[in-house]
PDB file of N, CA and C in Angstrom:
ATOM      1  N   MET A   1      11.826  -3.822   5.939  1.00  0.00           N
ATOM      2  CA  MET A   1      10.812  -3.247   5.104  1.00  0.00           C
ATOM      3  C   MET A   1      11.177  -1.734   5.003  1.00  0.00           C
ATOM      4  N   GLN A   2      11.309  -1.305   3.776  1.00  0.00           N
ATOM      5  CA  GLN A   2      11.397   0.188   3.579  1.00  0.00           C
ATOM      6  C   GLN A   2      10.229   0.770   2.875  1.00  0.00           C
ATOM      7  N   VAL A   3       9.797   1.875   3.393  1.00  0.00           N
ATOM      8  CA  VAL A   3       8.616   2.540   2.862  1.00  0.00           C
ATOM      9  C   VAL A   3       9.184   4.046   2.398  1.00  0.00           C
ATOM     10  N   THR A   4       8.971   4.327   1.113  1.00  0.00           N
ATOM     11  CA  THR A   4       9.274   5.647   0.641  1.00  0.00           C
ATOM     12  C   THR A   4       8.161   6.193  -0.154  1.00  0.00           C
ATOM     13  N   GLY A   5       8.075   7.479  -0.374  1.00  0.00           N
ATOM     14  CA  GLY A   5       6.975   8.071  -1.067  1.00  0.00           C
ATOM     15  C   GLY A   5       7.504   9.176  -2.040  1.00  0.00           C
ATOM     16  N   ARG A   6       6.723   9.333  -3.016  1.00  0.00           N
ATOM     17  CA  ARG A   6       7.014  10.364  -3.988  1.00  0.00           C
ATOM     18  C   ARG A   6       5.715  10.833  -4.625  1.00  0.00           C
ATOM     19  N   VAL A   7       5.548  12.164  -4.751  1.00  0.00           N
ATOM     20  CA  VAL A   7       4.406  12.763  -5.452  1.00  0.00           C
ATOM     21  C   VAL A   7       4.780  13.116  -6.833  1.00  0.00           C
ATOM     22  N   ASN A   8       3.934  12.584  -7.689  1.00  0.00           N
ATOM     23  CA  ASN A   8       4.044  12.955  -9.211  1.00  0.00           C
ATOM     24  C   ASN A   8       2.672  13.410  -9.698  1.00  0.00           C
ATOM     25  N   GLY A   9       2.662  14.708  -9.882  1.00  0.00           N
ATOM     26  CA  GLY A   9       1.350  15.302 -10.278  1.00  0.00           C
ATOM     27  C   GLY A   9       0.476  15.362  -9.124  1.00  0.00           C
ATOM     28  N   ASP A  10      -0.729  14.751  -9.222  1.00  0.00           N
ATOM     29  CA  ASP A  10      -1.658  14.637  -8.039  1.00  0.00           C
ATOM     30  C   ASP A  10      -1.738  13.278  -7.539  1.00  0.00           C
ATOM     31  N   THR A  11      -0.653  12.468  -7.759  1.00  0.00           N
ATOM     32  CA  THR A  11      -0.656  11.080  -7.260  1.00  0.00           C
ATOM     33  C   THR A  11       0.440  10.828  -6.177  1.00  0.00           C
ATOM     34  N   LEU A  12       0.094  10.355  -5.062  1.00  0.00           N
ATOM     35  CA  LEU A  12       1.113   9.887  -4.108  1.00  0.00           C
ATOM     36  C   LEU A  12       1.463   8.419  -4.324  1.00  0.00           C
ATOM     37  N   TYR A  13       2.716   8.236  -4.639  1.00  0.00           N
ATOM     38  CA  TYR A  13       3.237   6.861  -4.815  1.00  0.00           C
ATOM     39  C   TYR A  13       3.853   6.406  -3.477  1.00  0.00           C
ATOM     40  N   ILE A  14       3.476   5.226  -3.012  1.00  0.00           N
ATOM     41  CA  ILE A  14       4.053   4.684  -1.827  1.00  0.00           C
ATOM     42  C   ILE A  14       4.786   3.470  -2.276  1.00  0.00           C
ATOM     43  N   PHE A  15       6.086   3.456  -2.203  1.00  0.00           N
ATOM     44  CA  PHE A  15       6.950   2.442  -2.571  1.00  0.00           C
ATOM     45  C   PHE A  15       7.340   1.478  -1.315  1.00  0.00           C
ATOM     46  N   LEU A  16       6.978   0.209  -1.427  1.00  0.00           N
ATOM     47  CA  LEU A  16       7.302  -0.741  -0.406  1.00  0.00           C
ATOM     48  C   LEU A  16       8.396  -1.687  -0.891  1.00  0.00           C
ATOM     49  N   SER A  17       9.356  -1.927  -0.037  1.00  0.00           N
ATOM     50  CA  SER A  17      10.561  -2.760  -0.401  1.00  0.00           C
ATOM     51  C   SER A  17      10.887  -3.685   0.748  1.00  0.00           C
ATOM     52  N   GLY A  18      11.046  -5.007   0.417  1.00  0.00           N
ATOM     53  CA  GLY A  18      11.404  -5.970   1.448  1.00  0.00           C
ATOM     54  C   GLY A  18      10.272  -6.903   1.776  1.00  0.00           C
ATOM     55  N   GLU A  19      10.260  -7.315   3.072  1.00  0.00           N
ATOM     56  CA  GLU A  19       9.134  -8.257   3.469  1.00  0.00           C
ATOM     57  C   GLU A  19       8.007  -7.604   4.194  1.00  0.00           C
ATOM     58  N   LEU A  20       6.865  -7.720   3.774  1.00  0.00           N
ATOM     59  CA  LEU A  20       5.728  -7.170   4.489  1.00  0.00           C
ATOM     60  C   LEU A  20       5.080  -8.297   5.306  1.00  0.00           C
ATOM     61  N   ASP A  21       5.464  -8.413   6.539  1.00  0.00           N
ATOM     62  CA  ASP A  21       5.022  -9.489   7.396  1.00  0.00           C
ATOM     63  C   ASP A  21       4.874  -8.931   8.809  1.00  0.00           C
ATOM     64  N   GLU A  22       4.425  -9.855   9.740  1.00  0.00           N
ATOM     65  CA  GLU A  22       4.060  -9.309  11.064  1.00  0.00           C
ATOM     66  C   GLU A  22       5.251  -8.656  11.722  1.00  0.00           C
ATOM     67  N   TYR A  23       6.406  -8.960  11.389  1.00  0.00           N
ATOM     68  CA  TYR A  23       7.572  -8.275  12.012  1.00  0.00           C
ATOM     69  C   TYR A  23       7.780  -6.820  11.551  1.00  0.00           C
ATOM     70  N   ASN A  24       7.360  -6.563  10.327  1.00  0.00           N
ATOM     71  CA  ASN A  24       7.696  -5.302   9.708  1.00  0.00           C
ATOM     72  C   ASN A  24       6.377  -4.335   9.492  1.00  0.00           C
ATOM     73  N   ALA A  25       5.180  -5.067   9.691  1.00  0.00           N
ATOM     74  CA  ALA A  25       3.948  -4.340   9.402  1.00  0.00           C
ATOM     75  C   ALA A  25       3.789  -2.998  10.223  1.00  0.00           C
ATOM     76  N   ALA A  26       4.134  -3.024  11.536  1.00  0.00           N
ATOM     77  CA  ALA A  26       3.896  -1.947  12.340  1.00  0.00           C
ATOM     78  C   ALA A  26       4.722  -0.721  11.949  1.00  0.00           C
ATOM     79  N   ALA A  27       5.950  -0.933  11.685  1.00  0.00           N
ATOM     80  CA  ALA A  27       6.852   0.198  11.215  1.00  0.00           C
ATOM     81  C   ALA A  27       6.320   0.640   9.885  1.00  0.00           C
ATOM     82  N   ALA A  28       6.059  -0.290   8.905  1.00  0.00           N
ATOM     83  CA  ALA A  28       5.578   0.146   7.630  1.00  0.00           C
ATOM     84  C   ALA A  28       4.316   0.915   7.715  1.00  0.00           C
ATOM     85  N   ARG A  29       3.443   0.554   8.613  1.00  0.00           N
ATOM     86  CA  ARG A  29       2.215   1.304   8.814  1.00  0.00           C
ATOM     87  C   ARG A  29       2.429   2.659   9.300  1.00  0.00           C
ATOM     88  N   SER A  30       3.344   2.886  10.199  1.00  0.00           N
ATOM     89  CA  SER A  30       3.695   4.229  10.774  1.00  0.00           C
ATOM     90  C   SER A  30       4.289   5.159   9.623  1.00  0.00           C
ATOM     91  N   GLU A  31       5.204   4.493   8.872  1.00  0.00           N
ATOM     92  CA  GLU A  31       5.821   5.306   7.823  1.00  0.00           C
ATOM     93  C   GLU A  31       4.746   5.661   6.723  1.00  0.00           C
ATOM     94  N   ALA A  32       4.004   4.795   6.283  1.00  0.00           N
ATOM     95  CA  ALA A  32       2.967   5.048   5.261  1.00  0.00           C
ATOM     96  C   ALA A  32       1.957   5.989   5.810  1.00  0.00           C
ATOM     97  N   ASP A  33       1.463   5.897   6.995  1.00  0.00           N
ATOM     98  CA  ASP A  33       0.518   6.878   7.530  1.00  0.00           C
ATOM     99  C   ASP A  33       1.201   8.231   7.550  1.00  0.00           C
ATOM    100  N   ALA A  34       2.475   8.452   7.892  1.00  0.00           N
ATOM    101  CA  ALA A  34       3.108   9.717   8.016  1.00  0.00           C
ATOM    102  C   ALA A  34       3.092  10.311   6.535  1.00  0.00           C
ATOM    103  N   LEU A  35       3.396   9.488   5.536  1.00  0.00           N
ATOM    104  CA  LEU A  35       3.476   9.945   4.116  1.00  0.00           C
ATOM    105  C   LEU A  35       2.037  10.405   3.663  1.00  0.00           C
ATOM    106  N   ILE A  36       1.007   9.667   4.068  1.00  0.00           N
ATOM    107  CA  ILE A  36      -0.362  10.059   3.652  1.00  0.00           C
ATOM    108  C   ILE A  36      -0.785  11.308   4.288  1.00  0.00           C
ATOM    109  N   GLU A  37      -0.375  11.497   5.555  1.00  0.00           N
ATOM    110  CA  GLU A  37      -0.752  12.800   6.344  1.00  0.00           C
ATOM    111  C   GLU A  37      -0.056  13.974   5.713  1.00  0.00           C
ATOM    112  N   ARG A  38       1.147  13.774   5.232  1.00  0.00           N
ATOM    113  CA  ARG A  38       1.970  14.891   4.613  1.00  0.00           C
ATOM    114  C   ARG A  38       1.398  15.236   3.219  1.00  0.00           C
ATOM    115  N   ASN A  39       0.660  14.362   2.689  1.00  0.00           N
ATOM    116  CA  ASN A  39       0.139  14.547   1.269  1.00  0.00           C
ATOM    117  C   ASN A  39      -1.248  14.452   1.031  1.00  0.00           C
ATOM    118  N   LEU A  40      -2.082  14.959   1.927  1.00  0.00           N
ATOM    119  CA  LEU A  40      -3.514  14.998   1.826  1.00  0.00           C
ATOM    120  C   LEU A  40      -4.046  15.655   0.627  1.00  0.00           C
ATOM    121  N   CYS A  41      -3.288  16.494   0.008  1.00  0.00           N
ATOM    122  CA  CYS A  41      -3.728  17.194  -1.198  1.00  0.00           C
ATOM    123  C   CYS A  41      -3.724  16.376  -2.401  1.00  0.00           C
ATOM    124  N   CYS A  42      -3.133  15.226  -2.334  1.00  0.00           N
ATOM    125  CA  CYS A  42      -3.204  14.349  -3.540  1.00  0.00           C
ATOM    126  C   CYS A  42      -4.581  13.818  -3.913  1.00  0.00           C
ATOM    127  N   ALA A  43      -4.745  13.396  -5.150  1.00  0.00           N
ATOM    128  CA  ALA A  43      -6.019  12.978  -5.616  1.00  0.00           C
ATOM    129  C   ALA A  43      -6.156  11.457  -5.484  1.00  0.00           C
ATOM    130  N   ARG A  44      -4.921  10.687  -5.407  1.00  0.00           N
ATOM    131  CA  ARG A  44      -5.015   9.277  -5.267  1.00  0.00           C
ATOM    132  C   ARG A  44      -3.688   8.816  -4.700  1.00  0.00           C
ATOM    133  N   ALA A  45      -3.682   7.595  -4.182  1.00  0.00           N
ATOM    134  CA  ALA A  45      -2.472   6.997  -3.743  1.00  0.00           C
ATOM    135  C   ALA A  45      -2.251   5.679  -4.407  1.00  0.00           C
ATOM    136  N   VAL A  46      -1.056   5.324  -4.780  1.00  0.00           N
ATOM    137  CA  VAL A  46      -0.687   4.159  -5.405  1.00  0.00           C
ATOM    138  C   VAL A  46       0.338   3.396  -4.524  1.00  0.00           C
ATOM    139  N   PHE A  47       0.020   2.174  -4.173  1.00  0.00           N
ATOM    140  CA  PHE A  47       1.038   1.318  -3.384  1.00  0.00           C
ATOM    141  C   PHE A  47       1.770   0.478  -4.434  1.00  0.00           C
ATOM    142  N   ASP A  48       3.087   0.778  -4.611  1.00  0.00           N
ATOM    143  CA  ASP A  48       3.952   0.019  -5.505  1.00  0.00           C
ATOM    144  C   ASP A  48       4.611  -1.156  -4.804  1.00  0.00           C
ATOM    145  N   LEU A  49       4.227  -2.301  -5.255  1.00  0.00           N
ATOM    146  CA  LEU A  49       4.763  -3.549  -4.521  1.00  0.00           C
ATOM    147  C   LEU A  49       5.822  -4.269  -5.376  1.00  0.00           C
ATOM    148  N   ALA A  50       6.400  -3.560  -6.240  1.00  0.00           N
ATOM    149  CA  ALA A  50       7.358  -4.239  -7.149  1.00  0.00           C
ATOM    150  C   ALA A  50       8.614  -4.844  -6.372  1.00  0.00           C
ATOM    151  N   ASP A  51       8.973  -4.219  -5.279  1.00  0.00           N
ATOM    152  CA  ASP A  51      10.052  -4.666  -4.493  1.00  0.00           C
ATOM    153  C   ASP A  51       9.711  -5.420  -3.260  1.00  0.00           C
ATOM    154  N   VAL A  52       8.430  -5.803  -3.185  1.00  0.00           N
ATOM    155  CA  VAL A  52       8.056  -6.640  -1.961  1.00  0.00           C
ATOM    156  C   VAL A  52       8.381  -8.103  -2.326  1.00  0.00           C
ATOM    157  N   HIS A  53       9.172  -8.730  -1.575  1.00  0.00           N
ATOM    158  CA  HIS A  53       9.630 -10.107  -1.772  1.00  0.00           C
ATOM    159  C   HIS A  53       8.891 -11.133  -1.111  1.00  0.00           C
ATOM    160  N   PHE A  54       8.080 -10.780  -0.007  1.00  0.00           N
ATOM    161  CA  PHE A  54       7.295 -11.646   0.731  1.00  0.00           C
ATOM    162  C   PHE A  54       6.124 -10.798   1.325  1.00  0.00           C
ATOM    163  N   MET A  55       4.953 -11.516   1.344  1.00  0.00           N
ATOM    164  CA  MET A  55       3.802 -10.858   2.101  1.00  0.00           C
ATOM    165  C   MET A  55       3.027 -11.974   2.566  1.00  0.00           C
ATOM    166  N   ASP A  56       2.556 -11.744   3.825  1.00  0.00           N
ATOM    167  CA  ASP A  56       1.597 -12.631   4.452  1.00  0.00           C
ATOM    168  C   ASP A  56       0.288 -11.899   4.874  1.00  0.00           C
ATOM    169  N   SER A  57      -0.443 -12.467   5.711  1.00  0.00           N
ATOM    170  CA  SER A  57      -1.769 -11.838   5.976  1.00  0.00           C
ATOM    171  C   SER A  57      -1.541 -10.448   6.701  1.00  0.00           C
ATOM    172  N   SER A  58      -0.430 -10.196   7.314  1.00  0.00           N
ATOM    173  CA  SER A  58      -0.190  -8.888   7.921  1.00  0.00           C
ATOM    174  C   SER A  58      -0.023  -7.827   6.801  1.00  0.00           C
ATOM    175  N   GLY A  59       0.460  -8.257   5.633  1.00  0.00           N
ATOM    176  CA  GLY A  59       0.593  -7.300   4.533  1.00  0.00           C
ATOM    177  C   GLY A  59      -0.853  -6.950   4.034  1.00  0.00           C
ATOM    178  N   ILE A  60      -1.703  -7.923   4.033  1.00  0.00           N
ATOM    179  CA  ILE A  60      -3.121  -7.631   3.629  1.00  0.00           C
ATOM    180  C   ILE A  60      -3.795  -6.650   4.606  1.00  0.00           C
ATOM    181  N   GLY A  61      -3.552  -6.928   5.935  1.00  0.00           N
ATOM    182  CA  GLY A  61      -3.968  -6.060   6.956  1.00  0.00           C
ATOM    183  C   GLY A  61      -3.432  -4.647   6.860  1.00  0.00           C
ATOM    184  N   PHE A  62      -2.102  -4.558   6.509  1.00  0.00           N
ATOM    185  CA  PHE A  62      -1.543  -3.168   6.221  1.00  0.00           C
ATOM    186  C   PHE A  62      -2.292  -2.536   5.113  1.00  0.00           C
ATOM    187  N   LEU A  63      -2.516  -3.106   4.034  1.00  0.00           N
ATOM    188  CA  LEU A  63      -3.164  -2.571   2.904  1.00  0.00           C
ATOM    189  C   LEU A  63      -4.641  -2.068   3.193  1.00  0.00           C
ATOM    190  N   ILE A  64      -5.358  -2.987   3.944  1.00  0.00           N
ATOM    191  CA  ILE A  64      -6.717  -2.595   4.304  1.00  0.00           C
ATOM    192  C   ILE A  64      -6.719  -1.437   5.257  1.00  0.00           C
ATOM    193  N   GLY A  65      -5.892  -1.457   6.252  1.00  0.00           N
ATOM    194  CA  GLY A  65      -5.770  -0.246   7.166  1.00  0.00           C
ATOM    195  C   GLY A  65      -5.536   1.006   6.437  1.00  0.00           C
ATOM    196  N   ARG A  66      -4.557   0.997   5.461  1.00  0.00           N
ATOM    197  CA  ARG A  66      -4.231   2.190   4.672  1.00  0.00           C
ATOM    198  C   ARG A  66      -5.486   2.559   3.857  1.00  0.00           C
ATOM    199  N   TYR A  67      -6.064   1.642   3.215  1.00  0.00           N
ATOM    200  CA  TYR A  67      -7.346   1.885   2.489  1.00  0.00           C
ATOM    201  C   TYR A  67      -8.380   2.707   3.309  1.00  0.00           C
ATOM    202  N   LYS A  68      -8.665   2.118   4.528  1.00  0.00           N
ATOM    203  CA  LYS A  68      -9.573   2.818   5.332  1.00  0.00           C
ATOM    204  C   LYS A  68      -9.161   4.207   5.707  1.00  0.00           C
ATOM    205  N   LYS A  69      -7.904   4.390   5.938  1.00  0.00           N
ATOM    206  CA  LYS A  69      -7.413   5.765   6.236  1.00  0.00           C
ATOM    207  C   LYS A  69      -7.594   6.723   5.041  1.00  0.00           C
ATOM    208  N   LEU A  70      -7.182   6.166   3.853  1.00  0.00           N
ATOM    209  CA  LEU A  70      -7.315   6.992   2.686  1.00  0.00           C
ATOM    210  C   LEU A  70      -8.832   7.259   2.347  1.00  0.00           C
ATOM    211  N   LYS A  71      -9.713   6.306   2.493  1.00  0.00           N
ATOM    212  CA  LYS A  71     -11.168   6.468   2.281  1.00  0.00           C
ATOM    213  C   LYS A  71     -11.661   7.646   3.202  1.00  0.00           C
ATOM    214  N   ARG A  72     -11.263   7.721   4.376  1.00  0.00           N
ATOM    215  CA  ARG A  72     -11.666   8.757   5.264  1.00  0.00           C
ATOM    216  C   ARG A  72     -11.232  10.118   4.797  1.00  0.00           C
ATOM    217  N   CYS A  73     -10.115  10.171   4.062  1.00  0.00           N
ATOM    218  CA  CYS A  73      -9.634  11.396   3.439  1.00  0.00           C
ATOM    219  C   CYS A  73     -10.139  11.595   2.004  1.00  0.00           C
ATOM    220  N   ALA A  74     -11.101  10.773   1.569  1.00  0.00           N
ATOM    221  CA  ALA A  74     -11.626  10.782   0.209  1.00  0.00           C
ATOM    222  C   ALA A  74     -10.530  10.700  -0.890  1.00  0.00           C
ATOM    223  N   MET A  75      -9.521   9.837  -0.602  1.00  0.00           N
ATOM    224  CA  MET A  75      -8.408   9.586  -1.568  1.00  0.00           C
ATOM    225  C   MET A  75      -8.487   8.087  -1.949  1.00  0.00           C
ATOM    226  N   PRO A  76      -8.739   7.800  -3.240  1.00  0.00           N
ATOM    227  CA  PRO A  76      -8.768   6.387  -3.637  1.00  0.00           C
ATOM    228  C   PRO A  76      -7.408   5.801  -3.648  1.00  0.00           C
ATOM    229  N   ALA A  77      -7.367   4.472  -3.488  1.00  0.00           N
ATOM    230  CA  ALA A  77      -6.034   3.810  -3.404  1.00  0.00           C
ATOM    231  C   ALA A  77      -6.042   2.711  -4.562  1.00  0.00           C
ATOM    232  N   PHE A  78      -4.766   2.481  -4.965  1.00  0.00           N
ATOM    233  CA  PHE A  78      -4.508   1.519  -6.058  1.00  0.00           C
ATOM    234  C   PHE A  78      -3.282   0.701  -5.760  1.00  0.00           C
ATOM    235  N   ILE A  79      -3.195  -0.518  -6.230  1.00  0.00           N
ATOM    236  CA  ILE A  79      -2.011  -1.309  -6.086  1.00  0.00           C
ATOM    237  C   ILE A  79      -1.448  -1.454  -7.479  1.00  0.00           C
ATOM    238  N   ARG A  80       0.030  -1.367  -7.468  1.00  0.00           N
ATOM    239  CA  ARG A  80       0.686  -1.499  -8.755  1.00  0.00           C
ATOM    240  C   ARG A  80       1.875  -2.506  -8.478  1.00  0.00           C
ATOM    241  N   SER A  81       2.225  -3.301  -9.518  1.00  0.00           N
ATOM    242  CA  SER A  81       3.367  -4.073  -9.677  1.00  0.00           C
ATOM    243  C   SER A  81       3.582  -5.188  -8.619  1.00  0.00           C
ATOM    244  N   PRO A  82       2.506  -5.803  -8.114  1.00  0.00           N
ATOM    245  CA  PRO A  82       2.863  -6.986  -7.253  1.00  0.00           C
ATOM    246  C   PRO A  82       3.474  -8.113  -7.983  1.00  0.00           C
ATOM    247  N   ASP A  83       4.409  -8.788  -7.283  1.00  0.00           N
ATOM    248  CA  ASP A  83       5.068  -9.979  -7.966  1.00  0.00           C
ATOM    249  C   ASP A  83       4.030 -11.045  -7.919  1.00  0.00           C
ATOM    250  N   PHE A  84       4.370 -12.253  -8.631  1.00  0.00           N
ATOM    251  CA  PHE A  84       3.361 -13.279  -8.801  1.00  0.00           C
ATOM    252  C   PHE A  84       2.716 -13.860  -7.514  1.00  0.00           C
ATOM    253  N   ALA A  85       3.676 -14.019  -6.511  1.00  0.00           N
ATOM    254  CA  ALA A  85       3.182 -14.618  -5.205  1.00  0.00           C
ATOM    255  C   ALA A  85       2.246 -13.648  -4.437  1.00  0.00           C
ATOM    256  N   ALA A  86       2.632 -12.353  -4.385  1.00  0.00           N
ATOM    257  CA  ALA A  86       1.881 -11.338  -3.767  1.00  0.00           C
ATOM    258  C   ALA A  86       0.518 -11.165  -4.545  1.00  0.00           C
ATOM    259  N   ASP A  87       0.566 -11.194  -5.886  1.00  0.00           N
ATOM    260  CA  ASP A  87      -0.678 -11.029  -6.665  1.00  0.00           C
ATOM    261  C   ASP A  87      -1.656 -12.200  -6.365  1.00  0.00           C
ATOM    262  N   LYS A  88      -1.095 -13.380  -6.169  1.00  0.00           N
ATOM    263  CA  LYS A  88      -1.966 -14.577  -5.879  1.00  0.00           C
ATOM    264  C   LYS A  88      -2.623 -14.375  -4.497  1.00  0.00           C
ATOM    265  N   ILE A  89      -1.856 -13.971  -3.578  1.00  0.00           N
ATOM    266  CA  ILE A  89      -2.393 -13.745  -2.183  1.00  0.00           C
ATOM    267  C   ILE A  89      -3.418 -12.621  -2.236  1.00  0.00           C
ATOM    268  N   LEU A  90      -3.191 -11.524  -2.833  1.00  0.00           N
ATOM    269  CA  LEU A  90      -4.037 -10.415  -2.879  1.00  0.00           C
ATOM    270  C   LEU A  90      -5.422 -10.829  -3.687  1.00  0.00           C
ATOM    271  N   SER A  91      -5.202 -11.563  -4.776  1.00  0.00           N
ATOM    272  CA  SER A  91      -6.370 -12.030  -5.526  1.00  0.00           C
ATOM    273  C   SER A  91      -7.244 -12.903  -4.717  1.00  0.00           C
ATOM    274  N   MET A  92      -6.663 -13.868  -4.012  1.00  0.00           N
ATOM    275  CA  MET A  92      -7.427 -14.815  -3.116  1.00  0.00           C
ATOM    276  C   MET A  92      -8.092 -14.109  -1.963  1.00  0.00           C
ATOM    277  N   SER A  93      -7.543 -13.112  -1.446  1.00  0.00           N
ATOM    278  CA  SER A  93      -8.093 -12.318  -0.330  1.00  0.00           C
ATOM    279  C   SER A  93      -9.278 -11.448  -0.826  1.00  0.00           C
ATOM    280  N   GLY A  94      -9.426 -11.039  -2.123  1.00  0.00           N
ATOM    281  CA  GLY A  94     -10.450 -10.290  -2.558  1.00  0.00           C
ATOM    282  C   GLY A  94     -10.083  -8.830  -2.464  1.00  0.00           C
ATOM    283  N   ILE A  95      -8.922  -8.422  -2.048  1.00  0.00           N
ATOM    284  CA  ILE A  95      -8.563  -7.025  -1.819  1.00  0.00           C
ATOM    285  C   ILE A  95      -8.705  -6.119  -3.005  1.00  0.00           C
ATOM    286  N   TYR A  96      -8.577  -6.802  -4.262  1.00  0.00           N
ATOM    287  CA  TYR A  96      -8.719  -5.938  -5.412  1.00  0.00           C
ATOM    288  C   TYR A  96     -10.158  -5.333  -5.669  1.00  0.00           C
ATOM    289  N   SER A  97     -11.112  -5.864  -4.956  1.00  0.00           N
ATOM    290  CA  SER A  97     -12.383  -5.295  -4.922  1.00  0.00           C
ATOM    291  C   SER A  97     -12.425  -3.958  -4.158  1.00  0.00           C
ATOM    292  N   LEU A  98     -11.487  -3.800  -3.267  1.00  0.00           N
ATOM    293  CA  LEU A  98     -11.383  -2.577  -2.490  1.00  0.00           C
ATOM    294  C   LEU A  98     -10.301  -1.632  -3.069  1.00  0.00           C
ATOM    295  N   ILE A  99      -9.195  -2.243  -3.406  1.00  0.00           N
ATOM    296  CA  ILE A  99      -8.039  -1.493  -3.940  1.00  0.00           C
ATOM    297  C   ILE A  99      -7.716  -2.073  -5.224  1.00  0.00           C
ATOM    298  N   PRO A 100      -8.126  -1.496  -6.304  1.00  0.00           N
ATOM    299  CA  PRO A 100      -7.911  -2.052  -7.724  1.00  0.00           C
ATOM    300  C   PRO A 100      -6.403  -2.072  -7.991  1.00  0.00           C
ATOM    301  N   LYS A 101      -6.067  -3.041  -8.857  1.00  0.00           N
ATOM    302  CA  LYS A 101      -4.737  -3.177  -9.308  1.00  0.00           C
ATOM    303  C   LYS A 101      -4.645  -2.402 -10.646  1.00  0.00           C
ATOM    304  N   LEU A 102      -3.531  -1.640 -10.744  1.00  0.00           N
ATOM    305  CA  LEU A 102      -3.285  -0.835 -11.995  1.00  0.00           C
ATOM    306  C   LEU A 102      -2.513  -1.717 -12.992  1.00  0.00           C
TER     307      LEU A 102
END
């Protein structure tokens, strides 16, 4: 799992690439948290899942944990470009009620 970030205007984009599962979630969590901490001045955060090839319940836990962190910072979170399988998992979990899909 690779986690990279980019700020465009007042939006922090967090790009995830690879497999977001129990083996990679801890490292991804650490990297995403560091990106968030360095960019607290942003108005919103967008998790780009276009390059996530596999996601299980650990991926949902990752997103919910980052949502809670961002909420404490008063920064709304959004999800962008999940593939079909990830979109199905995220829809079934109800996560889009917390983190809307763009």
